[in-house]
Amino acid sequence: MQQLTGTIITREFNSVPVLHRMAAPVSGQAYWDYPSADAVALGVIVGFDQNSAAPYMAQIQINSVVQIESDGSGAIAAGDPIAAAASGKAKKRAKADGTTTRNWIGYAHNAAAATAGLLVDVQIAVHSASNT
């Protein structure tokens, strides 16, 4: 599978944008940035301007199927929930019992080895839930 065009929004981005990385609005600010590990991610960078300094402008896909770069922390299987890792990369979202809130951007369509930099096809379906 490959990336399918969905809804793409253009937003000011605080950091230097990198393709295939997750993005999220920064609380209380007008710009977006990479989410911190395990935080809510609402889209994936699919394009950006060529500015060499801020402000950067990023095109962020917020639905459909998109490719996200893996962080290599563990293998990903098709159907796994995908969460934000450092710098907006993808990792498998481990399920846990209890009251901890778990966030994930969607579900993997393909498997990926525990190797950083691999592209994972992800169906965007943002979730934030406890006891999962």
N, C-alpha and C. Protein backbone atom coordinates (compact mmCIF):
# COMPACT_ATOMS: atom_id res chain seq x y z
N MET A 1 0.85 -1.17 0.00
CA MET A 1 0.00 0.00 0.00
C MET A 1 0.90 1.23 0.00
N GLN A 2 0.37 2.33 -0.36
CA GLN A 2 1.11 3.58 -0.30
C GLN A 2 0.18 4.66 0.22
N GLN A 3 0.74 5.81 0.42
CA GLN A 3 -0.02 6.93 0.94
C GLN A 3 -1.18 7.28 0.01
N LEU A 4 -2.34 7.54 0.60
CA LEU A 4 -3.51 7.98 -0.15
C LEU A 4 -3.79 9.42 0.22
N THR A 5 -4.12 10.23 -0.78
CA THR A 5 -4.37 11.63 -0.50
C THR A 5 -5.65 11.78 0.29
N GLY A 6 -5.54 12.49 1.38
CA GLY A 6 -6.69 12.80 2.22
C GLY A 6 -6.76 14.31 2.37
N THR A 7 -7.35 14.76 3.44
CA THR A 7 -7.43 16.18 3.72
C THR A 7 -6.07 16.68 4.18
N ILE A 8 -5.58 17.73 3.53
CA ILE A 8 -4.28 18.30 3.87
C ILE A 8 -4.49 19.75 4.28
N ILE A 9 -3.95 20.09 5.45
CA ILE A 9 -4.02 21.46 5.95
C ILE A 9 -2.61 22.04 5.97
N THR A 10 -2.50 23.35 5.86
CA THR A 10 -1.20 24.01 5.93
C THR A 10 -1.16 24.81 7.23
N ARG A 11 -0.11 24.57 8.02
CA ARG A 11 0.02 25.24 9.31
C ARG A 11 1.46 25.71 9.52
N GLU A 12 1.60 26.79 10.29
CA GLU A 12 2.94 27.21 10.70
C GLU A 12 3.49 26.12 11.61
N PHE A 13 4.78 25.80 11.42
CA PHE A 13 5.41 24.72 12.16
C PHE A 13 6.60 25.27 12.92
N ASN A 14 6.71 24.97 14.19
CA ASN A 14 7.73 25.55 15.05
C ASN A 14 9.14 25.03 14.77
N SER A 15 9.28 23.73 14.49
CA SER A 15 10.58 23.11 14.22
C SER A 15 10.77 22.96 12.72
N VAL A 16 11.98 22.57 12.31
CA VAL A 16 12.22 22.29 10.90
C VAL A 16 11.39 21.05 10.55
N PRO A 17 10.46 21.14 9.59
CA PRO A 17 9.60 19.99 9.27
C PRO A 17 10.37 18.89 8.53
N VAL A 18 10.00 17.64 8.83
CA VAL A 18 10.58 16.47 8.17
C VAL A 18 9.41 15.62 7.66
N LEU A 19 9.49 15.20 6.39
CA LEU A 19 8.43 14.36 5.82
C LEU A 19 8.23 13.09 6.62
N HIS A 20 7.00 12.61 6.65
CA HIS A 20 6.61 11.33 7.27
C HIS A 20 6.74 11.34 8.78
N ARG A 21 6.64 12.53 9.39
CA ARG A 21 6.66 12.62 10.85
C ARG A 21 5.31 13.15 11.33
N MET A 22 4.90 12.75 12.53
CA MET A 22 3.63 13.19 13.10
C MET A 22 3.69 14.64 13.55
N ALA A 23 2.51 15.26 13.62
CA ALA A 23 2.41 16.67 14.02
C ALA A 23 1.18 16.86 14.90
N ALA A 24 1.24 17.93 15.70
CA ALA A 24 0.12 18.25 16.59
C ALA A 24 0.15 19.74 16.89
N PRO A 25 -1.03 20.33 17.15
CA PRO A 25 -1.04 21.74 17.55
C PRO A 25 -0.39 21.89 18.92
N VAL A 26 0.30 23.01 19.12
CA VAL A 26 0.93 23.30 20.40
C VAL A 26 -0.09 24.05 21.25
N SER A 27 -0.34 23.55 22.44
CA SER A 27 -1.36 24.13 23.32
C SER A 27 -1.10 25.60 23.58
N GLY A 28 -2.13 26.41 23.34
CA GLY A 28 -2.06 27.84 23.60
C GLY A 28 -1.30 28.64 22.55
N GLN A 29 -0.89 27.98 21.47
CA GLN A 29 -0.13 28.65 20.41
C GLN A 29 -0.87 28.52 19.07
N ALA A 30 -0.46 29.31 18.10
CA ALA A 30 -1.09 29.26 16.78
C ALA A 30 -0.35 28.30 15.84
N TYR A 31 0.75 27.72 16.29
CA TYR A 31 1.55 26.85 15.43
C TYR A 31 1.48 25.39 15.86
N TRP A 32 2.00 24.52 15.00
CA TRP A 32 2.08 23.08 15.27
C TRP A 32 3.54 22.71 15.46
N ASP A 33 3.77 21.48 15.98
CA ASP A 33 5.13 20.96 16.15
C ASP A 33 5.04 19.44 16.27
N TYR A 34 6.19 18.79 16.47
CA TYR A 34 6.19 17.35 16.70
C TYR A 34 5.59 17.09 18.08
N PRO A 35 4.74 16.08 18.22
CA PRO A 35 4.23 15.77 19.56
C PRO A 35 5.33 15.11 20.38
N SER A 36 5.26 15.25 21.68
CA SER A 36 6.18 14.51 22.53
C SER A 36 5.78 13.04 22.51
N ALA A 37 6.69 12.19 22.94
CA ALA A 37 6.41 10.75 22.94
C ALA A 37 5.13 10.45 23.71
N ASP A 38 4.28 9.64 23.12
CA ASP A 38 3.01 9.19 23.70
C ASP A 38 1.93 10.27 23.79
N ALA A 39 2.19 11.45 23.27
CA ALA A 39 1.19 12.53 23.28
C ALA A 39 0.27 12.39 22.06
N VAL A 40 -0.78 13.17 22.04
CA VAL A 40 -1.73 13.16 20.93
C VAL A 40 -1.06 13.72 19.67
N ALA A 41 -1.21 13.00 18.57
CA ALA A 41 -0.78 13.46 17.25
C ALA A 41 -2.03 13.51 16.38
N LEU A 42 -2.19 14.58 15.60
CA LEU A 42 -3.41 14.74 14.80
C LEU A 42 -3.18 14.66 13.30
N GLY A 43 -1.93 14.55 12.86
CA GLY A 43 -1.66 14.47 11.45
C GLY A 43 -0.21 14.12 11.18
N VAL A 44 0.12 14.07 9.87
CA VAL A 44 1.47 13.68 9.43
C VAL A 44 1.93 14.66 8.36
N ILE A 45 3.19 15.07 8.46
CA ILE A 45 3.76 16.02 7.50
C ILE A 45 3.95 15.34 6.15
N VAL A 46 3.33 15.92 5.11
CA VAL A 46 3.44 15.38 3.75
C VAL A 46 4.08 16.38 2.80
N GLY A 47 4.39 17.57 3.27
CA GLY A 47 5.05 18.58 2.46
C GLY A 47 5.40 19.77 3.32
N PHE A 48 6.32 20.61 2.82
CA PHE A 48 6.70 21.80 3.57
C PHE A 48 7.40 22.78 2.65
N ASP A 49 7.48 24.04 3.11
CA ASP A 49 8.19 25.04 2.33
C ASP A 49 9.69 24.84 2.49
N GLN A 50 10.46 25.61 1.78
CA GLN A 50 11.91 25.45 1.82
C GLN A 50 12.59 26.57 2.62
N ASN A 51 11.85 27.18 3.55
CA ASN A 51 12.45 28.22 4.37
C ASN A 51 13.63 27.66 5.15
N SER A 52 14.69 28.47 5.26
CA SER A 52 15.86 28.03 6.02
C SER A 52 15.80 28.51 7.47
N ALA A 53 14.78 29.26 7.81
CA ALA A 53 14.58 29.73 9.18
C ALA A 53 13.08 29.85 9.45
N ALA A 54 12.74 29.88 10.72
CA ALA A 54 11.33 30.02 11.10
C ALA A 54 10.81 31.36 10.61
N PRO A 55 9.54 31.50 10.26
CA PRO A 55 8.52 30.47 10.42
C PRO A 55 8.54 29.47 9.25
N TYR A 56 8.33 28.21 9.58
CA TYR A 56 8.21 27.15 8.59
C TYR A 56 6.72 26.91 8.34
N MET A 57 6.39 26.47 7.15
CA MET A 57 5.01 26.11 6.83
C MET A 57 5.00 24.64 6.42
N ALA A 58 4.12 23.86 7.06
CA ALA A 58 4.04 22.43 6.78
C ALA A 58 2.66 22.06 6.27
N GLN A 59 2.63 21.15 5.30
CA GLN A 59 1.37 20.57 4.84
C GLN A 59 1.18 19.29 5.64
N ILE A 60 0.05 19.19 6.34
CA ILE A 60 -0.20 18.10 7.28
C ILE A 60 -1.46 17.36 6.85
N GLN A 61 -1.31 16.06 6.61
CA GLN A 61 -2.46 15.23 6.25
C GLN A 61 -3.14 14.77 7.53
N ILE A 62 -4.47 14.93 7.61
CA ILE A 62 -5.18 14.65 8.85
C ILE A 62 -6.17 13.48 8.76
N ASN A 63 -6.25 12.82 7.60
CA ASN A 63 -7.10 11.64 7.49
C ASN A 63 -6.60 10.76 6.36
N SER A 64 -7.23 9.60 6.15
CA SER A 64 -6.90 8.64 5.11
C SER A 64 -5.66 7.83 5.52
N VAL A 65 -4.95 7.28 4.54
CA VAL A 65 -3.76 6.48 4.80
C VAL A 65 -2.52 7.30 4.50
N VAL A 66 -1.57 7.27 5.42
CA VAL A 66 -0.36 8.08 5.30
C VAL A 66 0.83 7.23 5.74
N GLN A 67 2.02 7.57 5.26
CA GLN A 67 3.22 6.85 5.66
C GLN A 67 3.93 7.63 6.77
N ILE A 68 4.32 6.91 7.84
CA ILE A 68 5.01 7.51 8.98
C ILE A 68 6.32 6.77 9.19
N GLU A 69 7.37 7.52 9.46
CA GLU A 69 8.69 6.94 9.71
C GLU A 69 8.73 6.28 11.08
N SER A 70 9.24 5.04 11.15
CA SER A 70 9.32 4.32 12.42
C SER A 70 10.55 4.76 13.21
N ASP A 71 10.47 4.58 14.54
CA ASP A 71 11.60 4.94 15.39
C ASP A 71 12.53 3.76 15.65
N GLY A 72 12.11 2.54 15.29
CA GLY A 72 12.96 1.37 15.44
C GLY A 72 12.97 0.76 16.82
N SER A 73 12.12 1.23 17.73
CA SER A 73 12.15 0.73 19.10
C SER A 73 11.57 -0.67 19.25
N GLY A 74 10.84 -1.13 18.25
CA GLY A 74 10.26 -2.46 18.29
C GLY A 74 9.57 -2.77 16.97
N ALA A 75 9.32 -4.05 16.75
CA ALA A 75 8.64 -4.46 15.52
C ALA A 75 7.19 -3.99 15.55
N ILE A 76 6.66 -3.69 14.37
CA ILE A 76 5.27 -3.28 14.21
C ILE A 76 4.59 -4.31 13.31
N ALA A 77 3.42 -4.78 13.72
CA ALA A 77 2.65 -5.73 12.92
C ALA A 77 1.44 -5.01 12.32
N ALA A 78 0.95 -5.53 11.21
CA ALA A 78 -0.27 -4.98 10.63
C ALA A 78 -1.38 -5.04 11.67
N GLY A 79 -2.12 -3.95 11.82
CA GLY A 79 -3.20 -3.87 12.79
C GLY A 79 -2.81 -3.27 14.12
N ASP A 80 -1.50 -3.10 14.37
CA ASP A 80 -1.07 -2.51 15.63
C ASP A 80 -1.48 -1.04 15.71
N PRO A 81 -1.89 -0.58 16.90
CA PRO A 81 -2.10 0.85 17.08
C PRO A 81 -0.74 1.55 17.05
N ILE A 82 -0.70 2.73 16.43
CA ILE A 82 0.55 3.47 16.25
C ILE A 82 0.50 4.77 17.04
N ALA A 83 1.55 5.00 17.84
CA ALA A 83 1.63 6.20 18.68
C ALA A 83 2.86 7.02 18.31
N ALA A 84 2.90 8.23 18.86
CA ALA A 84 4.03 9.11 18.63
C ALA A 84 5.22 8.67 19.48
N ALA A 85 6.39 8.66 18.86
CA ALA A 85 7.66 8.46 19.55
C ALA A 85 8.40 9.80 19.48
N ALA A 86 9.65 9.83 19.87
CA ALA A 86 10.43 11.05 19.83
C ALA A 86 10.47 11.65 18.42
N SER A 87 10.41 12.95 18.33
CA SER A 87 10.50 13.70 17.07
C SER A 87 9.42 13.34 16.06
N GLY A 88 8.27 12.87 16.54
CA GLY A 88 7.15 12.59 15.66
C GLY A 88 7.25 11.30 14.88
N LYS A 89 8.19 10.43 15.23
CA LYS A 89 8.29 9.14 14.56
C LYS A 89 7.24 8.19 15.12
N ALA A 90 7.07 7.02 14.47
CA ALA A 90 6.03 6.06 14.84
C ALA A 90 6.59 4.93 15.69
N LYS A 91 5.75 4.47 16.62
CA LYS A 91 6.06 3.27 17.39
C LYS A 91 4.76 2.54 17.68
N LYS A 92 4.88 1.25 17.99
CA LYS A 92 3.71 0.47 18.38
C LYS A 92 3.21 0.99 19.73
N ARG A 93 1.89 1.18 19.83
CA ARG A 93 1.29 1.63 21.08
C ARG A 93 0.96 0.39 21.91
N ALA A 94 1.69 0.17 22.98
CA ALA A 94 1.42 -0.97 23.85
C ALA A 94 0.14 -0.72 24.63
N LYS A 95 -0.69 -1.72 24.72
CA LYS A 95 -1.92 -1.61 25.50
C LYS A 95 -1.59 -1.88 26.97
N ALA A 96 -2.32 -1.26 27.86
CA ALA A 96 -2.08 -1.43 29.29
C ALA A 96 -3.39 -1.31 30.04
N ASP A 97 -3.48 -2.02 31.13
CA ASP A 97 -4.65 -1.90 32.00
C ASP A 97 -4.40 -0.76 32.98
N GLY A 98 -5.45 -0.20 33.51
CA GLY A 98 -5.32 0.86 34.50
C GLY A 98 -5.94 2.15 34.02
N THR A 99 -5.53 3.22 34.63
CA THR A 99 -6.14 4.51 34.35
C THR A 99 -5.29 5.40 33.46
N THR A 100 -4.12 4.91 33.02
CA THR A 100 -3.26 5.71 32.17
C THR A 100 -3.94 5.96 30.83
N THR A 101 -3.97 7.21 30.40
CA THR A 101 -4.55 7.53 29.10
C THR A 101 -3.54 7.20 28.01
N ARG A 102 -3.99 6.48 27.01
CA ARG A 102 -3.15 6.10 25.87
C ARG A 102 -3.62 6.86 24.65
N ASN A 103 -2.66 7.39 23.89
CA ASN A 103 -2.96 8.12 22.66
C ASN A 103 -2.35 7.38 21.49
N TRP A 104 -3.09 7.32 20.39
CA TRP A 104 -2.50 6.79 19.17
C TRP A 104 -3.15 7.46 17.97
N ILE A 105 -2.38 7.52 16.88
CA ILE A 105 -2.84 8.25 15.69
C ILE A 105 -3.66 7.36 14.76
N GLY A 106 -3.45 6.06 14.81
CA GLY A 106 -4.17 5.16 13.92
C GLY A 106 -3.63 3.76 13.98
N TYR A 107 -3.84 2.99 12.89
CA TYR A 107 -3.50 1.57 12.86
C TYR A 107 -2.61 1.26 11.67
N ALA A 108 -1.60 0.43 11.91
CA ALA A 108 -0.65 0.04 10.86
C ALA A 108 -1.33 -0.87 9.83
N HIS A 109 -1.02 -0.62 8.57
CA HIS A 109 -1.49 -1.49 7.48
C HIS A 109 -0.46 -2.53 7.11
N ASN A 110 0.80 -2.29 7.46
CA ASN A 110 1.87 -3.20 7.09
C ASN A 110 2.80 -3.41 8.29
N ALA A 111 3.58 -4.46 8.21
CA ALA A 111 4.56 -4.76 9.26
C ALA A 111 5.85 -3.99 8.99
N ALA A 112 6.59 -3.74 10.07
CA ALA A 112 7.91 -3.10 9.96
C ALA A 112 8.81 -3.70 11.02
N ALA A 113 10.03 -4.02 10.65
CA ALA A 113 11.01 -4.57 11.59
C ALA A 113 11.40 -3.49 12.59
N ALA A 114 12.09 -3.89 13.63
CA ALA A 114 12.57 -2.96 14.65
C ALA A 114 13.80 -2.22 14.12
N THR A 115 13.59 -1.45 13.06
CA THR A 115 14.66 -0.71 12.40
C THR A 115 14.19 0.72 12.20
N ALA A 116 14.96 1.67 12.67
CA ALA A 116 14.58 3.08 12.53
C ALA A 116 14.56 3.48 11.07
N GLY A 117 13.62 4.36 10.73
CA GLY A 117 13.56 4.93 9.39
C GLY A 117 12.69 4.20 8.40
N LEU A 118 12.10 3.07 8.77
CA LEU A 118 11.19 2.37 7.86
C LEU A 118 9.86 3.12 7.80
N LEU A 119 9.20 3.08 6.65
CA LEU A 119 7.90 3.73 6.51
C LEU A 119 6.78 2.74 6.80
N VAL A 120 5.86 3.16 7.64
CA VAL A 120 4.71 2.34 8.01
C VAL A 120 3.46 3.01 7.44
N ASP A 121 2.65 2.25 6.70
CA ASP A 121 1.38 2.76 6.20
C ASP A 121 0.39 2.75 7.36
N VAL A 122 -0.20 3.92 7.65
CA VAL A 122 -1.09 4.04 8.81
C VAL A 122 -2.41 4.66 8.39
N GLN A 123 -3.50 4.01 8.78
CA GLN A 123 -4.84 4.58 8.61
C GLN A 123 -5.05 5.53 9.77
N ILE A 124 -5.18 6.82 9.48
CA ILE A 124 -5.36 7.79 10.56
C ILE A 124 -6.74 7.61 11.17
N ALA A 125 -6.75 7.38 12.47
CA ALA A 125 -7.97 7.23 13.27
C ALA A 125 -7.57 7.59 14.69
N VAL A 126 -7.49 8.88 14.97
CA VAL A 126 -6.94 9.37 16.25
C VAL A 126 -7.77 8.87 17.43
N HIS A 127 -7.07 8.36 18.46
CA HIS A 127 -7.72 7.86 19.66
C HIS A 127 -7.00 8.39 20.89
N SER A 128 -7.75 8.57 21.94
CA SER A 128 -7.21 8.90 23.25
C SER A 128 -8.15 8.24 24.24
N ALA A 129 -7.66 7.23 24.95
CA ALA A 129 -8.53 6.46 25.82
C ALA A 129 -7.77 5.91 27.02
N SER A 130 -8.46 5.72 28.11
CA SER A 130 -7.88 5.05 29.26
C SER A 130 -8.32 3.59 29.28
N ASN A 131 -7.64 2.81 30.07
CA ASN A 131 -7.94 1.38 30.19
C ASN A 131 -7.86 0.65 28.87
N THR A 132 -6.86 0.99 28.05
CA THR A 132 -6.68 0.31 26.77
C THR A 132 -5.31 -0.28 26.67
